[in-house]
Amino acid sequence: MGPAGGGFTVWLTGLSGAGKSTISQRLAMELRARGLRVEVLDGDVVRTNLSQGLGFSKEDRDTNVRRIGWVCDVLTRNDVVAIAAAISPYRAVRDEVRARIGRFVEVYLQAPVEVLAQRDPKGLYGKARDGEVTGLTGIDDPYEPPLHAEVTCHTDGRETVDQSAAKVIATLEDLGYLAPIARTSGARRHGGPG
């Protein structure tokens, strides 16, 4: 059991290339250093294992998010910190997962699609531009940003990975999910959505 008691879920949502995998790994490292048991459910890894065979229709995307949410719920109930890093484009199913889990912190990784298309680590935006890929979230498939995320990280270059992770950690402390630790420099507190 963690210092503040019990498991919780940190749900990172945002467009492809916004930094979900990178920030989730940084968070996991920090939380493990505090002695917590942590599992990361990365959207790409889940697609290969737990959700193999699902496509990218709205129904299949919702099923994928519900499956990730179910695993997060089981982990959370067993005093494990679950970190989900998935595009999870539809607000209603994210809210459904939040309601099921309860101890849930939504983190919106905000970056304009133009910035992400320039980075394009997986080449998806280029393939969408060239017509090789359809249904890319944020291009020809919708993304519904959270309305009430506990943390908004600006991953368009305004914040480093460490700064974004620190915002999440500070929020977890503020909410009582983590016991605060002494800070050597001024803590960056979250500013809420937007």
N, C-alpha and C. Protein backbone atom coordinates (compact mmCIF):
# COMPACT_ATOMS: atom_id res chain seq x y z
N MET A 1 0.84 -1.18 0.00
CA MET A 1 0.00 0.00 0.00
C MET A 1 0.88 1.24 0.00
N GLY A 2 0.50 2.26 -0.77
CA GLY A 2 1.29 3.47 -0.89
C GLY A 2 1.22 4.31 0.37
N PRO A 3 2.11 5.29 0.48
CA PRO A 3 2.19 6.13 1.67
C PRO A 3 0.87 6.80 2.02
N ALA A 4 0.11 7.24 1.02
CA ALA A 4 -1.15 7.91 1.30
C ALA A 4 -2.29 6.89 1.36
N GLY A 5 -2.01 5.63 1.07
CA GLY A 5 -2.99 4.56 1.21
C GLY A 5 -3.77 4.27 -0.04
N GLY A 6 -3.66 3.05 -0.52
CA GLY A 6 -4.49 2.57 -1.61
C GLY A 6 -3.96 2.89 -2.99
N GLY A 7 -4.53 2.18 -3.93
CA GLY A 7 -4.18 2.40 -5.33
C GLY A 7 -5.00 3.52 -5.93
N PHE A 8 -4.62 3.92 -7.10
CA PHE A 8 -5.35 4.92 -7.86
C PHE A 8 -4.97 4.78 -9.32
N THR A 9 -5.73 5.42 -10.18
CA THR A 9 -5.48 5.39 -11.61
C THR A 9 -5.14 6.79 -12.10
N VAL A 10 -4.07 6.88 -12.88
CA VAL A 10 -3.72 8.11 -13.59
C VAL A 10 -3.98 7.83 -15.06
N TRP A 11 -4.90 8.57 -15.66
CA TRP A 11 -5.32 8.31 -17.04
C TRP A 11 -4.81 9.44 -17.93
N LEU A 12 -3.82 9.13 -18.78
CA LEU A 12 -3.28 10.12 -19.72
C LEU A 12 -4.01 10.00 -21.04
N THR A 13 -4.57 11.10 -21.49
CA THR A 13 -5.29 11.14 -22.76
C THR A 13 -4.74 12.28 -23.61
N GLY A 14 -4.76 12.09 -24.91
CA GLY A 14 -4.27 13.10 -25.84
C GLY A 14 -4.05 12.46 -27.20
N LEU A 15 -3.77 13.29 -28.17
CA LEU A 15 -3.59 12.81 -29.54
C LEU A 15 -2.33 11.96 -29.68
N SER A 16 -2.24 11.25 -30.79
CA SER A 16 -1.05 10.46 -31.09
C SER A 16 0.17 11.36 -31.15
N GLY A 17 1.21 10.98 -30.43
CA GLY A 17 2.44 11.77 -30.43
C GLY A 17 2.49 12.86 -29.38
N ALA A 18 1.45 12.97 -28.52
CA ALA A 18 1.41 14.03 -27.52
C ALA A 18 2.32 13.77 -26.33
N GLY A 19 2.84 12.55 -26.22
CA GLY A 19 3.77 12.25 -25.13
C GLY A 19 3.24 11.32 -24.06
N LYS A 20 2.14 10.63 -24.34
CA LYS A 20 1.53 9.76 -23.33
C LYS A 20 2.48 8.67 -22.86
N SER A 21 3.12 7.97 -23.77
CA SER A 21 4.03 6.88 -23.39
C SER A 21 5.23 7.42 -22.62
N THR A 22 5.81 8.50 -23.10
CA THR A 22 7.00 9.08 -22.46
C THR A 22 6.69 9.55 -21.05
N ILE A 23 5.61 10.30 -20.89
CA ILE A 23 5.27 10.84 -19.57
C ILE A 23 4.83 9.71 -18.64
N SER A 24 4.12 8.71 -19.17
CA SER A 24 3.70 7.60 -18.30
C SER A 24 4.91 6.87 -17.74
N GLN A 25 5.95 6.69 -18.55
CA GLN A 25 7.16 6.02 -18.07
C GLN A 25 7.87 6.87 -17.03
N ARG A 26 7.90 8.17 -17.22
CA ARG A 26 8.53 9.07 -16.26
C ARG A 26 7.76 9.06 -14.93
N LEU A 27 6.42 9.06 -15.00
CA LEU A 27 5.61 8.97 -13.80
C LEU A 27 5.83 7.65 -13.07
N ALA A 28 5.86 6.57 -13.83
CA ALA A 28 6.07 5.25 -13.23
C ALA A 28 7.39 5.20 -12.48
N MET A 29 8.43 5.75 -13.08
CA MET A 29 9.74 5.77 -12.44
C MET A 29 9.69 6.55 -11.11
N GLU A 30 9.05 7.70 -11.12
CA GLU A 30 8.94 8.53 -9.92
C GLU A 30 8.13 7.82 -8.83
N LEU A 31 7.03 7.21 -9.21
CA LEU A 31 6.16 6.55 -8.23
C LEU A 31 6.82 5.30 -7.66
N ARG A 32 7.53 4.56 -8.50
CA ARG A 32 8.27 3.38 -8.00
C ARG A 32 9.38 3.80 -7.04
N ALA A 33 10.01 4.95 -7.32
CA ALA A 33 11.06 5.45 -6.43
C ALA A 33 10.48 5.79 -5.05
N ARG A 34 9.19 6.04 -4.99
CA ARG A 34 8.52 6.32 -3.71
C ARG A 34 8.01 5.04 -3.05
N GLY A 35 8.33 3.89 -3.64
CA GLY A 35 7.96 2.61 -3.05
C GLY A 35 6.59 2.09 -3.43
N LEU A 36 5.98 2.66 -4.44
CA LEU A 36 4.65 2.21 -4.87
C LEU A 36 4.76 1.11 -5.92
N ARG A 37 3.75 0.26 -5.93
CA ARG A 37 3.62 -0.73 -7.00
C ARG A 37 2.88 -0.06 -8.15
N VAL A 38 3.45 -0.12 -9.34
CA VAL A 38 2.93 0.63 -10.48
C VAL A 38 2.86 -0.28 -11.71
N GLU A 39 1.77 -0.18 -12.44
CA GLU A 39 1.65 -0.84 -13.74
C GLU A 39 1.25 0.21 -14.77
N VAL A 40 1.92 0.18 -15.93
CA VAL A 40 1.60 1.08 -17.02
C VAL A 40 0.85 0.30 -18.09
N LEU A 41 -0.29 0.81 -18.48
CA LEU A 41 -1.06 0.23 -19.58
C LEU A 41 -0.95 1.19 -20.76
N ASP A 42 0.01 0.92 -21.62
CA ASP A 42 0.25 1.76 -22.79
C ASP A 42 -0.69 1.34 -23.90
N GLY A 43 -1.32 2.30 -24.53
CA GLY A 43 -2.31 2.02 -25.56
C GLY A 43 -1.81 1.10 -26.66
N ASP A 44 -0.59 1.32 -27.14
CA ASP A 44 -0.05 0.48 -28.21
C ASP A 44 0.16 -0.96 -27.75
N VAL A 45 0.66 -1.13 -26.52
CA VAL A 45 0.90 -2.47 -25.98
C VAL A 45 -0.42 -3.19 -25.73
N VAL A 46 -1.41 -2.45 -25.20
CA VAL A 46 -2.73 -3.03 -24.95
C VAL A 46 -3.35 -3.50 -26.26
N ARG A 47 -3.21 -2.69 -27.30
CA ARG A 47 -3.77 -3.07 -28.61
C ARG A 47 -3.19 -4.38 -29.10
N THR A 48 -1.90 -4.60 -28.85
CA THR A 48 -1.23 -5.82 -29.30
C THR A 48 -1.66 -7.04 -28.49
N ASN A 49 -1.97 -6.85 -27.22
CA ASN A 49 -2.24 -7.97 -26.33
C ASN A 49 -3.72 -8.09 -25.95
N LEU A 50 -4.20 -7.19 -25.12
CA LEU A 50 -5.54 -7.28 -24.57
C LEU A 50 -6.63 -6.99 -25.61
N SER A 51 -6.35 -6.14 -26.56
CA SER A 51 -7.38 -5.72 -27.51
C SER A 51 -7.07 -6.11 -28.95
N GLN A 52 -6.27 -7.14 -29.11
CA GLN A 52 -5.95 -7.60 -30.47
C GLN A 52 -7.23 -7.95 -31.21
N GLY A 53 -7.32 -7.54 -32.45
CA GLY A 53 -8.50 -7.84 -33.25
C GLY A 53 -9.51 -6.71 -33.29
N LEU A 54 -9.39 -5.75 -32.37
CA LEU A 54 -10.28 -4.60 -32.42
C LEU A 54 -9.81 -3.64 -33.50
N GLY A 55 -10.76 -3.03 -34.17
CA GLY A 55 -10.42 -2.03 -35.17
C GLY A 55 -10.44 -0.64 -34.56
N PHE A 56 -10.75 0.35 -35.40
CA PHE A 56 -10.72 1.74 -34.93
C PHE A 56 -12.06 2.44 -35.12
N SER A 57 -13.14 1.65 -35.20
CA SER A 57 -14.48 2.26 -35.21
C SER A 57 -14.73 2.84 -33.82
N LYS A 58 -15.75 3.69 -33.70
CA LYS A 58 -16.06 4.25 -32.39
C LYS A 58 -16.35 3.14 -31.40
N GLU A 59 -17.11 2.14 -31.81
CA GLU A 59 -17.45 1.03 -30.91
C GLU A 59 -16.20 0.28 -30.44
N ASP A 60 -15.28 0.01 -31.38
CA ASP A 60 -14.06 -0.71 -31.02
C ASP A 60 -13.15 0.14 -30.14
N ARG A 61 -13.07 1.43 -30.41
CA ARG A 61 -12.26 2.32 -29.56
C ARG A 61 -12.84 2.35 -28.14
N ASP A 62 -14.17 2.44 -28.04
CA ASP A 62 -14.80 2.45 -26.71
C ASP A 62 -14.56 1.12 -25.99
N THR A 63 -14.64 0.01 -26.70
CA THR A 63 -14.36 -1.30 -26.11
C THR A 63 -12.93 -1.36 -25.60
N ASN A 64 -12.00 -0.85 -26.38
CA ASN A 64 -10.59 -0.83 -25.97
C ASN A 64 -10.42 -0.02 -24.67
N VAL A 65 -11.04 1.16 -24.60
CA VAL A 65 -10.93 2.00 -23.42
C VAL A 65 -11.59 1.32 -22.22
N ARG A 66 -12.73 0.68 -22.43
CA ARG A 66 -13.39 -0.04 -21.33
C ARG A 66 -12.51 -1.18 -20.81
N ARG A 67 -11.82 -1.87 -21.71
CA ARG A 67 -10.93 -2.95 -21.28
C ARG A 67 -9.76 -2.41 -20.46
N ILE A 68 -9.18 -1.33 -20.92
CA ILE A 68 -8.09 -0.70 -20.15
C ILE A 68 -8.64 -0.26 -18.80
N GLY A 69 -9.82 0.33 -18.80
CA GLY A 69 -10.44 0.78 -17.56
C GLY A 69 -10.71 -0.36 -16.60
N TRP A 70 -11.13 -1.50 -17.10
CA TRP A 70 -11.39 -2.66 -16.25
C TRP A 70 -10.09 -3.10 -15.56
N VAL A 71 -9.01 -3.17 -16.32
CA VAL A 71 -7.73 -3.56 -15.74
C VAL A 71 -7.29 -2.53 -14.70
N CYS A 72 -7.44 -1.24 -15.02
CA CYS A 72 -7.08 -0.18 -14.07
C CYS A 72 -7.90 -0.31 -12.79
N ASP A 73 -9.18 -0.61 -12.92
CA ASP A 73 -10.05 -0.77 -11.75
C ASP A 73 -9.56 -1.92 -10.87
N VAL A 74 -9.24 -3.06 -11.47
CA VAL A 74 -8.75 -4.21 -10.71
C VAL A 74 -7.44 -3.85 -10.00
N LEU A 75 -6.53 -3.20 -10.72
CA LEU A 75 -5.25 -2.82 -10.12
C LEU A 75 -5.47 -1.83 -8.96
N THR A 76 -6.28 -0.83 -9.19
CA THR A 76 -6.55 0.20 -8.18
C THR A 76 -7.12 -0.43 -6.92
N ARG A 77 -8.08 -1.36 -7.07
CA ARG A 77 -8.69 -2.02 -5.91
C ARG A 77 -7.68 -2.88 -5.15
N ASN A 78 -6.57 -3.24 -5.81
CA ASN A 78 -5.55 -4.08 -5.18
C ASN A 78 -4.30 -3.29 -4.81
N ASP A 79 -4.50 -2.01 -4.53
CA ASP A 79 -3.44 -1.13 -4.02
C ASP A 79 -2.27 -0.95 -4.97
N VAL A 80 -2.55 -1.01 -6.26
CA VAL A 80 -1.53 -0.77 -7.29
C VAL A 80 -1.89 0.55 -7.97
N VAL A 81 -0.87 1.31 -8.33
CA VAL A 81 -1.10 2.51 -9.12
C VAL A 81 -1.14 2.08 -10.58
N ALA A 82 -2.26 2.36 -11.24
CA ALA A 82 -2.42 2.06 -12.66
C ALA A 82 -2.23 3.35 -13.43
N ILE A 83 -1.36 3.31 -14.42
CA ILE A 83 -1.17 4.46 -15.31
C ILE A 83 -1.60 4.03 -16.69
N ALA A 84 -2.68 4.63 -17.19
CA ALA A 84 -3.17 4.33 -18.53
C ALA A 84 -2.70 5.44 -19.46
N ALA A 85 -2.12 5.04 -20.59
CA ALA A 85 -1.65 5.99 -21.59
C ALA A 85 -2.30 5.61 -22.91
N ALA A 86 -3.46 6.20 -23.17
CA ALA A 86 -4.23 5.82 -24.36
C ALA A 86 -4.92 7.05 -24.92
N ILE A 87 -4.99 7.15 -26.23
CA ILE A 87 -5.65 8.30 -26.85
C ILE A 87 -7.04 8.49 -26.24
N SER A 88 -7.80 7.41 -26.11
CA SER A 88 -9.15 7.43 -25.53
C SER A 88 -9.91 8.68 -25.96
N PRO A 89 -10.29 8.74 -27.25
CA PRO A 89 -10.77 9.99 -27.84
C PRO A 89 -12.15 10.45 -27.41
N TYR A 90 -12.95 9.56 -26.81
CA TYR A 90 -14.34 9.95 -26.54
C TYR A 90 -14.57 10.21 -25.06
N ARG A 91 -15.07 11.39 -24.78
CA ARG A 91 -15.26 11.88 -23.42
C ARG A 91 -16.19 10.97 -22.61
N ALA A 92 -17.29 10.51 -23.21
CA ALA A 92 -18.29 9.74 -22.45
C ALA A 92 -17.70 8.46 -21.88
N VAL A 93 -16.91 7.75 -22.65
CA VAL A 93 -16.36 6.49 -22.15
C VAL A 93 -15.26 6.75 -21.12
N ARG A 94 -14.49 7.84 -21.28
CA ARG A 94 -13.52 8.20 -20.23
C ARG A 94 -14.25 8.51 -18.92
N ASP A 95 -15.36 9.25 -19.01
CA ASP A 95 -16.14 9.57 -17.82
C ASP A 95 -16.74 8.31 -17.19
N GLU A 96 -17.14 7.37 -18.03
CA GLU A 96 -17.68 6.09 -17.55
C GLU A 96 -16.61 5.33 -16.75
N VAL A 97 -15.39 5.30 -17.29
CA VAL A 97 -14.28 4.62 -16.62
C VAL A 97 -13.96 5.34 -15.30
N ARG A 98 -13.94 6.66 -15.33
CA ARG A 98 -13.70 7.45 -14.11
C ARG A 98 -14.72 7.08 -13.02
N ALA A 99 -16.00 7.02 -13.40
CA ALA A 99 -17.05 6.72 -12.43
C ALA A 99 -16.88 5.31 -11.85
N ARG A 100 -16.45 4.36 -12.67
CA ARG A 100 -16.27 2.99 -12.20
C ARG A 100 -15.11 2.90 -11.22
N ILE A 101 -14.01 3.56 -11.52
CA ILE A 101 -12.80 3.42 -10.71
C ILE A 101 -12.86 4.27 -9.45
N GLY A 102 -13.32 5.50 -9.56
CA GLY A 102 -13.40 6.38 -8.38
C GLY A 102 -12.10 7.11 -8.10
N ARG A 103 -11.06 6.38 -7.72
CA ARG A 103 -9.75 7.01 -7.42
C ARG A 103 -9.03 7.20 -8.76
N PHE A 104 -9.35 8.29 -9.43
CA PHE A 104 -9.01 8.48 -10.85
C PHE A 104 -8.58 9.92 -11.07
N VAL A 105 -7.46 10.09 -11.74
CA VAL A 105 -6.96 11.42 -12.07
C VAL A 105 -6.75 11.47 -13.58
N GLU A 106 -7.46 12.37 -14.23
CA GLU A 106 -7.35 12.50 -15.68
C GLU A 106 -6.31 13.55 -16.01
N VAL A 107 -5.40 13.20 -16.91
CA VAL A 107 -4.32 14.07 -17.33
C VAL A 107 -4.46 14.27 -18.84
N TYR A 108 -4.69 15.51 -19.24
CA TYR A 108 -4.84 15.83 -20.65
C TYR A 108 -3.50 16.35 -21.18
N LEU A 109 -2.95 15.64 -22.14
CA LEU A 109 -1.71 16.07 -22.80
C LEU A 109 -2.12 16.86 -24.03
N GLN A 110 -2.00 18.16 -23.92
CA GLN A 110 -2.50 19.08 -24.93
C GLN A 110 -1.37 19.54 -25.85
N ALA A 111 -1.56 19.29 -27.13
CA ALA A 111 -0.63 19.80 -28.15
C ALA A 111 -1.41 19.90 -29.45
N PRO A 112 -1.25 21.00 -30.17
CA PRO A 112 -1.97 21.16 -31.43
C PRO A 112 -1.54 20.10 -32.45
N VAL A 113 -2.50 19.67 -33.24
CA VAL A 113 -2.23 18.63 -34.24
C VAL A 113 -1.12 19.06 -35.20
N GLU A 114 -1.00 20.38 -35.45
CA GLU A 114 0.05 20.87 -36.36
C GLU A 114 1.44 20.57 -35.79
N VAL A 115 1.59 20.74 -34.48
CA VAL A 115 2.88 20.44 -33.82
C VAL A 115 3.14 18.94 -33.86
N LEU A 116 2.11 18.16 -33.58
CA LEU A 116 2.27 16.71 -33.57
C LEU A 116 2.58 16.18 -34.97
N ALA A 117 1.98 16.78 -35.97
CA ALA A 117 2.25 16.36 -37.36
C ALA A 117 3.70 16.65 -37.74
N GLN A 118 4.28 17.70 -37.18
CA GLN A 118 5.70 18.00 -37.45
C GLN A 118 6.60 16.99 -36.76
N ARG A 119 6.24 16.59 -35.53
CA ARG A 119 7.03 15.58 -34.80
C ARG A 119 6.87 14.22 -35.44
N ASP A 120 5.62 13.76 -35.50
CA ASP A 120 5.19 12.53 -36.16
C ASP A 120 6.12 11.34 -35.91
N PRO A 121 6.35 10.94 -34.65
CA PRO A 121 7.30 9.87 -34.37
C PRO A 121 6.93 8.52 -35.00
N LYS A 122 5.63 8.28 -35.19
CA LYS A 122 5.20 7.00 -35.77
C LYS A 122 4.91 7.11 -37.26
N GLY A 123 5.01 8.33 -37.81
CA GLY A 123 4.73 8.52 -39.23
C GLY A 123 3.25 8.49 -39.58
N LEU A 124 2.38 8.53 -38.58
CA LEU A 124 0.94 8.40 -38.83
C LEU A 124 0.35 9.64 -39.50
N TYR A 125 0.80 10.82 -39.09
CA TYR A 125 0.24 12.04 -39.68
C TYR A 125 0.65 12.15 -41.15
N GLY A 126 1.88 11.75 -41.46
CA GLY A 126 2.32 11.74 -42.85
C GLY A 126 1.51 10.76 -43.69
N LYS A 127 1.25 9.58 -43.12
CA LYS A 127 0.44 8.59 -43.84
C LYS A 127 -0.99 9.07 -44.04
N ALA A 128 -1.53 9.77 -43.04
CA ALA A 128 -2.88 10.32 -43.17
C ALA A 128 -2.91 11.39 -44.26
N ARG A 129 -1.87 12.24 -44.27
CA ARG A 129 -1.78 13.30 -45.28
C ARG A 129 -1.71 12.69 -46.69
N ASP A 130 -0.97 11.56 -46.80
CA ASP A 130 -0.80 10.90 -48.10
C ASP A 130 -1.94 9.95 -48.45
N GLY A 131 -2.95 9.84 -47.56
CA GLY A 131 -4.10 8.99 -47.83
C GLY A 131 -3.85 7.51 -47.54
N GLU A 132 -2.73 7.17 -46.93
CA GLU A 132 -2.43 5.76 -46.62
C GLU A 132 -3.14 5.29 -45.37
N VAL A 133 -3.52 6.22 -44.50
CA VAL A 133 -4.19 5.89 -43.25
C VAL A 133 -5.43 6.76 -43.15
N THR A 134 -6.54 6.14 -42.75
CA THR A 134 -7.77 6.91 -42.49
C THR A 134 -8.19 6.64 -41.05
N GLY A 135 -9.03 7.51 -40.52
CA GLY A 135 -9.52 7.34 -39.17
C GLY A 135 -8.52 7.75 -38.10
N LEU A 136 -7.58 8.63 -38.44
CA LEU A 136 -6.58 9.07 -37.47
C LEU A 136 -7.22 10.13 -36.57
N THR A 137 -7.17 9.87 -35.28
CA THR A 137 -7.76 10.78 -34.30
C THR A 137 -7.13 12.16 -34.43
N GLY A 138 -7.99 13.16 -34.54
CA GLY A 138 -7.54 14.53 -34.66
C GLY A 138 -7.42 14.99 -36.10
N ILE A 139 -7.42 14.05 -37.04
CA ILE A 139 -7.36 14.40 -38.46
C ILE A 139 -8.72 14.14 -39.10
N ASP A 140 -9.09 12.87 -39.26
CA ASP A 140 -10.41 12.58 -39.83
C ASP A 140 -11.24 11.72 -38.89
N ASP A 141 -10.88 11.70 -37.62
CA ASP A 141 -11.67 11.06 -36.59
C ASP A 141 -11.64 12.01 -35.39
N PRO A 142 -12.74 12.13 -34.66
CA PRO A 142 -12.80 13.15 -33.61
C PRO A 142 -11.96 12.83 -32.38
N TYR A 143 -11.54 13.89 -31.69
CA TYR A 143 -10.97 13.79 -30.35
C TYR A 143 -11.72 14.79 -29.49
N GLU A 144 -12.28 14.32 -28.39
CA GLU A 144 -13.03 15.17 -27.49
C GLU A 144 -12.18 15.44 -26.25
N PRO A 145 -11.59 16.63 -26.15
CA PRO A 145 -10.73 16.94 -25.01
C PRO A 145 -11.53 16.88 -23.70
N PRO A 146 -10.86 16.53 -22.61
CA PRO A 146 -11.55 16.54 -21.32
C PRO A 146 -12.04 17.93 -20.97
N LEU A 147 -13.16 17.98 -20.29
CA LEU A 147 -13.69 19.26 -19.82
C LEU A 147 -13.21 19.59 -18.42
N HIS A 148 -12.89 18.54 -17.64
CA HIS A 148 -12.54 18.76 -16.23
C HIS A 148 -11.33 17.91 -15.82
N ALA A 149 -10.31 17.84 -16.66
CA ALA A 149 -9.11 17.08 -16.31
C ALA A 149 -8.48 17.69 -15.06
N GLU A 150 -7.99 16.84 -14.18
CA GLU A 150 -7.31 17.33 -12.99
C GLU A 150 -6.00 18.02 -13.34
N VAL A 151 -5.37 17.58 -14.44
CA VAL A 151 -4.10 18.17 -14.87
C VAL A 151 -4.13 18.35 -16.38
N THR A 152 -3.65 19.49 -16.84
CA THR A 152 -3.42 19.69 -18.27
C THR A 152 -1.94 19.97 -18.45
N CYS A 153 -1.29 19.13 -19.26
CA CYS A 153 0.13 19.30 -19.58
C CYS A 153 0.23 19.82 -21.00
N HIS A 154 1.05 20.82 -21.20
CA HIS A 154 1.23 21.42 -22.52
C HIS A 154 2.48 20.81 -23.15
N THR A 155 2.26 19.78 -23.96
CA THR A 155 3.38 19.01 -24.51
C THR A 155 3.78 19.47 -25.90
N ASP A 156 3.46 20.73 -26.20
CA ASP A 156 3.80 21.31 -27.50
C ASP A 156 5.16 22.01 -27.46
N GLY A 157 5.93 21.77 -26.39
CA GLY A 157 7.23 22.40 -26.25
C GLY A 157 7.28 23.41 -25.12
N ARG A 158 6.10 23.77 -24.59
CA ARG A 158 6.08 24.72 -23.47
C ARG A 158 6.56 24.10 -22.17
N GLU A 159 6.41 22.78 -22.05
CA GLU A 159 6.84 22.07 -20.85
C GLU A 159 7.76 20.92 -21.25
N THR A 160 8.72 20.63 -20.39
CA THR A 160 9.55 19.43 -20.59
C THR A 160 8.79 18.23 -20.03
N VAL A 161 9.27 17.04 -20.32
CA VAL A 161 8.69 15.83 -19.76
C VAL A 161 8.72 15.90 -18.24
N ASP A 162 9.86 16.32 -17.69
CA ASP A 162 9.97 16.41 -16.23
C ASP A 162 9.00 17.42 -15.64
N GLN A 163 8.79 18.55 -16.31
CA GLN A 163 7.84 19.54 -15.82
C GLN A 163 6.41 18.99 -15.84
N SER A 164 6.06 18.30 -16.91
CA SER A 164 4.72 17.71 -17.00
C SER A 164 4.53 16.66 -15.92
N ALA A 165 5.52 15.79 -15.74
CA ALA A 165 5.43 14.75 -14.70
C ALA A 165 5.33 15.39 -13.32
N ALA A 166 6.07 16.47 -13.08
CA ALA A 166 6.03 17.15 -11.78
C ALA A 166 4.64 17.73 -11.52
N LYS A 167 3.96 18.24 -12.55
CA LYS A 167 2.60 18.75 -12.38
C LYS A 167 1.67 17.63 -11.93
N VAL A 168 1.83 16.47 -12.53
CA VAL A 168 0.97 15.33 -12.17
C VAL A 168 1.25 14.91 -10.73
N ILE A 169 2.53 14.78 -10.38
CA ILE A 169 2.90 14.38 -9.02
C ILE A 169 2.36 15.37 -8.00
N ALA A 170 2.50 16.68 -8.27
CA ALA A 170 2.00 17.70 -7.35
C ALA A 170 0.49 17.57 -7.18
N THR A 171 -0.22 17.28 -8.25
CA THR A 171 -1.67 17.12 -8.16
C THR A 171 -2.03 15.88 -7.34
N LEU A 172 -1.30 14.79 -7.55
CA LEU A 172 -1.55 13.57 -6.77
C LEU A 172 -1.33 13.84 -5.28
N GLU A 173 -0.34 14.66 -4.96
CA GLU A 173 -0.11 15.04 -3.56
C GLU A 173 -1.26 15.92 -3.05
N ASP A 174 -1.65 16.91 -3.86
CA ASP A 174 -2.73 17.81 -3.46
C ASP A 174 -4.03 17.05 -3.19
N LEU A 175 -4.29 16.02 -3.98
CA LEU A 175 -5.52 15.24 -3.85
C LEU A 175 -5.43 14.19 -2.74
N GLY A 176 -4.25 14.02 -2.15
CA GLY A 176 -4.08 13.06 -1.07
C GLY A 176 -3.80 11.64 -1.52
N TYR A 177 -3.56 11.44 -2.81
CA TYR A 177 -3.22 10.10 -3.31
C TYR A 177 -1.76 9.76 -3.02
N LEU A 178 -0.93 10.78 -2.88
CA LEU A 178 0.49 10.60 -2.55
C LEU A 178 0.83 11.44 -1.33
N ALA A 179 1.68 10.89 -0.48
CA ALA A 179 2.20 11.68 0.63
C ALA A 179 3.22 12.66 0.06
N PRO A 180 3.13 13.93 0.45
CA PRO A 180 4.10 14.91 -0.05
C PRO A 180 5.51 14.57 0.42
N ILE A 181 6.48 14.91 -0.38
CA ILE A 181 7.87 14.79 0.03
C ILE A 181 8.48 16.18 0.00
N ALA A 182 9.52 16.36 0.76
CA ALA A 182 10.18 17.68 0.81
C ALA A 182 10.70 18.04 -0.57
N ARG A 183 10.47 19.26 -0.97
CA ARG A 183 10.93 19.74 -2.27
C ARG A 183 12.13 20.64 -2.07
N THR A 184 13.12 20.49 -2.94
CA THR A 184 14.30 21.34 -2.85
C THR A 184 14.13 22.63 -3.63
N SER A 185 13.26 22.60 -4.63
CA SER A 185 12.99 23.83 -5.39
C SER A 185 11.49 24.04 -5.41
N GLY A 186 11.07 25.19 -5.83
CA GLY A 186 9.65 25.52 -5.85
C GLY A 186 8.86 24.51 -6.66
N ALA A 187 7.80 24.02 -6.11
CA ALA A 187 6.95 23.04 -6.81
C ALA A 187 6.11 23.76 -7.85
N ARG A 188 5.93 23.12 -8.95
CA ARG A 188 5.04 23.65 -9.98
C ARG A 188 3.67 23.03 -9.75
N ARG A 189 2.74 23.84 -9.41
CA ARG A 189 1.38 23.36 -9.17
C ARG A 189 0.61 23.39 -10.48
N HIS A 190 -0.35 22.50 -10.57
CA HIS A 190 -1.17 22.44 -11.79
C HIS A 190 -2.06 23.67 -11.88
N GLY A 191 -2.38 24.00 -13.10
CA GLY A 191 -3.22 25.17 -13.30
C GLY A 191 -4.62 24.83 -13.76
N GLY A 192 -4.97 23.55 -13.73
CA GLY A 192 -6.29 23.15 -14.18
C GLY A 192 -6.34 23.11 -15.69
N PRO A 193 -7.51 22.77 -16.25
CA PRO A 193 -7.63 22.65 -17.70
C PRO A 193 -7.34 23.96 -18.41
N GLY A 194 -6.71 23.84 -19.57
CA GLY A 194 -6.50 25.01 -20.42
C GLY A 194 -5.29 25.70 -20.05
